[in-house]
Amino acid sequence: MTDLVLPSETNPLNNLFGGELLARMDRAASIAARRHSRRITVTASVNHVAFNQAVPVGSVVTVEAAVSRAFKTSMEIYIDVWMEDRFSGEKSKVNEAIYTFVAVDESGRPIQIPELNPETPLEKERYAAALRRKQLSLVLAGKMKPKEATELRALFMD
């Protein structure tokens, strides 16, 4: 999704409101989740957001969202935010986020989704890391015992 940052979307420093950027990322992630699952999808969690650089009024912002891994009913969506310099046209990555979406049926119950087959080196890297992030979330929520988080444990066992 590419859009222009308008004055009504900025804070007193004339930079894009964080909440406005979150909404844009949520919409892009929703589209990616829906395209992968071909189902209704809902935001389950915002797992990580990094506001690395302010986005000034008048900037052209592109939000790229892609499914990094599909689980049984949920998907991790990795989002990169790019800003185009107003004067040079050069693009730079300014923010990123990781959201989780769940596919649901018409009555709102989770529904199974297709697997994802990563192809590029970046897709493969994000795919592998998604399982570790999911295991960490489950351990922190008390839904998985640390000894069962095999992919996560492997990071610390060598």
Protein backbone atom coordinates (compact mmCIF):
# COMPACT_ATOMS: atom_id res chain seq x y z
CA MET A 1 0.00 0.00 0.00
CA THR A 2 1.42 3.36 -0.97
CA ASP A 3 0.04 6.64 0.31
CA LEU A 4 0.92 10.24 1.07
CA VAL A 5 1.27 11.57 4.64
CA LEU A 6 -1.22 14.42 5.02
CA PRO A 7 -1.16 17.23 7.62
CA SER A 8 -4.25 15.86 9.41
CA GLU A 9 -2.35 12.61 10.09
CA THR A 10 0.61 14.20 11.85
CA ASN A 11 1.61 15.17 15.37
CA PRO A 12 2.79 18.64 16.52
CA LEU A 13 6.25 17.86 15.08
CA ASN A 14 4.65 17.31 11.64
CA ASN A 15 5.46 13.59 11.67
CA LEU A 16 3.02 10.76 11.01
CA PHE A 17 1.14 9.70 14.15
CA GLY A 18 2.24 6.25 15.35
CA GLY A 19 -1.39 5.18 15.58
CA GLU A 20 -1.98 6.18 11.98
CA LEU A 21 0.97 4.07 10.90
CA LEU A 22 -0.32 1.15 13.00
CA ALA A 23 -3.68 1.38 11.22
CA ARG A 24 -2.01 1.38 7.82
CA MET A 25 0.09 -1.64 8.80
CA ASP A 26 -3.01 -3.44 10.11
CA ARG A 27 -4.85 -2.87 6.82
CA ALA A 28 -1.91 -4.10 4.72
CA ALA A 29 -1.46 -7.14 6.97
CA SER A 30 -5.17 -7.90 6.74
CA ILE A 31 -4.97 -7.92 2.95
CA ALA A 32 -1.94 -10.25 3.00
CA ALA A 33 -3.67 -12.61 5.45
CA ARG A 34 -6.88 -12.66 3.44
CA ARG A 35 -5.04 -13.30 0.18
CA HIS A 36 -3.18 -16.25 1.69
CA SER A 37 -6.09 -17.85 3.52
CA ARG A 38 -8.95 -16.80 1.22
CA ARG A 39 -10.95 -16.42 4.42
CA ILE A 40 -12.15 -13.68 6.74
CA THR A 41 -9.19 -12.73 8.94
CA VAL A 42 -8.93 -10.87 12.22
CA THR A 43 -5.99 -9.30 14.01
CA ALA A 44 -5.01 -11.55 16.92
CA SER A 45 -1.96 -9.66 18.14
CA VAL A 46 0.61 -7.03 17.36
CA ASN A 47 3.77 -8.84 18.35
CA HIS A 48 6.42 -6.30 17.49
CA VAL A 49 6.53 -2.74 16.24
CA ALA A 50 9.65 -0.68 15.70
CA PHE A 51 9.29 3.03 14.98
CA ASN A 52 12.85 3.49 13.76
CA GLN A 53 12.48 6.79 11.95
CA ALA A 54 9.96 9.61 11.92
CA VAL A 55 7.89 10.00 8.77
CA PRO A 56 7.37 13.70 7.96
CA VAL A 57 4.29 15.28 6.42
CA GLY A 58 4.34 15.09 2.64
CA SER A 59 6.28 11.82 2.56
CA VAL A 60 5.28 8.96 0.33
CA VAL A 61 5.02 5.83 2.49
CA THR A 62 4.80 2.25 1.27
CA VAL A 63 3.66 -0.51 3.63
CA GLU A 64 4.62 -4.01 2.45
CA ALA A 65 3.02 -6.94 4.25
CA ALA A 66 3.64 -10.62 3.62
CA VAL A 67 2.70 -13.84 5.39
CA SER A 68 5.93 -15.12 6.92
CA ARG A 69 4.44 -18.37 8.24
CA ALA A 70 1.06 -20.06 8.33
CA PHE A 71 0.19 -22.27 11.26
CA LYS A 72 -3.07 -24.22 11.69
CA THR A 73 -5.46 -21.24 11.82
CA SER A 74 -3.10 -18.34 12.41
CA MET A 75 -0.57 -16.50 10.28
CA GLU A 76 2.38 -14.34 11.16
CA ILE A 77 2.52 -11.26 8.95
CA TYR A 78 5.82 -9.41 8.60
CA ILE A 79 5.49 -5.77 7.66
CA ASP A 80 8.15 -3.45 6.23
CA VAL A 81 7.51 0.28 5.96
CA TRP A 82 9.40 2.30 3.38
CA MET A 83 9.60 6.06 2.94
CA GLU A 84 10.48 7.80 -0.27
CA ASP A 85 12.68 10.84 0.17
CA ARG A 86 10.77 13.87 -1.11
CA PHE A 87 13.77 15.35 -2.85
CA SER A 88 15.94 12.47 -4.11
CA GLY A 89 13.25 9.79 -4.56
CA GLU A 90 15.48 7.33 -2.68
CA LYS A 91 13.58 4.75 -0.63
CA SER A 92 14.63 3.70 2.86
CA LYS A 93 13.16 1.28 5.38
CA VAL A 94 11.85 3.32 8.30
CA ASN A 95 9.70 0.92 10.35
CA GLU A 96 8.72 -2.71 10.70
CA ALA A 97 6.19 -4.80 12.55
CA ILE A 98 5.01 -8.35 13.07
CA TYR A 99 1.29 -9.05 13.42
CA THR A 100 -0.63 -12.28 13.94
CA PHE A 101 -3.91 -12.87 12.14
CA VAL A 102 -6.40 -15.69 12.52
CA ALA A 103 -8.66 -16.96 9.75
CA VAL A 104 -12.27 -17.41 10.82
CA ASP A 105 -15.48 -18.74 9.35
CA GLU A 106 -18.68 -16.71 8.97
CA SER A 107 -19.56 -17.22 12.65
CA GLY A 108 -16.12 -16.11 13.86
CA ARG A 109 -14.66 -19.54 14.69
CA PRO A 110 -11.02 -20.20 13.72
CA ILE A 111 -10.67 -22.19 10.52
CA GLN A 112 -7.75 -24.11 9.03
CA ILE A 113 -5.61 -22.37 6.41
CA PRO A 114 -3.15 -23.52 3.73
CA GLU A 115 0.52 -23.99 4.52
CA LEU A 116 3.09 -21.52 3.25
CA ASN A 117 6.10 -22.50 1.14
CA PRO A 118 8.84 -19.89 1.45
CA GLU A 119 11.02 -19.45 -1.62
CA THR A 120 13.53 -16.61 -1.26
CA PRO A 121 16.32 -16.55 1.35
CA LEU A 122 14.51 -13.73 3.23
CA GLU A 123 11.22 -15.67 3.18
CA LYS A 124 13.00 -18.77 4.50
CA GLU A 125 14.69 -16.77 7.27
CA ARG A 126 11.41 -15.17 8.37
CA TYR A 127 9.60 -18.52 8.12
CA ALA A 128 12.07 -20.21 10.51
CA ALA A 129 12.07 -17.29 12.94
CA ALA A 130 8.25 -17.23 13.04
CA LEU A 131 8.14 -20.60 14.80
CA ARG A 132 10.62 -19.42 17.43
CA ARG A 133 8.57 -16.26 18.00
CA LYS A 134 5.39 -18.32 18.32
CA GLN A 135 7.01 -20.68 20.81
CA LEU A 136 8.28 -17.73 22.86
CA SER A 137 4.80 -16.20 22.94
CA LEU A 138 3.28 -19.50 24.05
CA VAL A 139 5.89 -19.97 26.78
CA LEU A 140 5.39 -16.41 28.08
CA ALA A 141 1.61 -16.91 28.07
CA GLY A 142 1.98 -20.15 30.04
CA LYS A 143 0.49 -22.19 27.17
CA MET A 144 3.70 -24.13 26.48
CA LYS A 145 6.38 -25.48 28.81
CA PRO A 146 9.86 -24.12 28.04
CA LYS A 147 11.22 -27.64 27.52
CA GLU A 148 8.62 -28.17 24.76
CA ALA A 149 9.81 -25.11 22.80
CA THR A 150 12.32 -27.11 20.80
CA GLU A 151 13.07 -24.50 18.11
CA LEU A 152 13.49 -21.78 20.70
CA ARG A 153 15.68 -23.94 22.94
CA ALA A 154 17.93 -24.77 20.00
CA LEU A 155 19.07 -21.13 19.97
CA PHE A 156 20.58 -21.54 23.42
CA MET A 157 21.76 -25.15 23.47
CA ASP A 158 24.94 -25.00 21.35
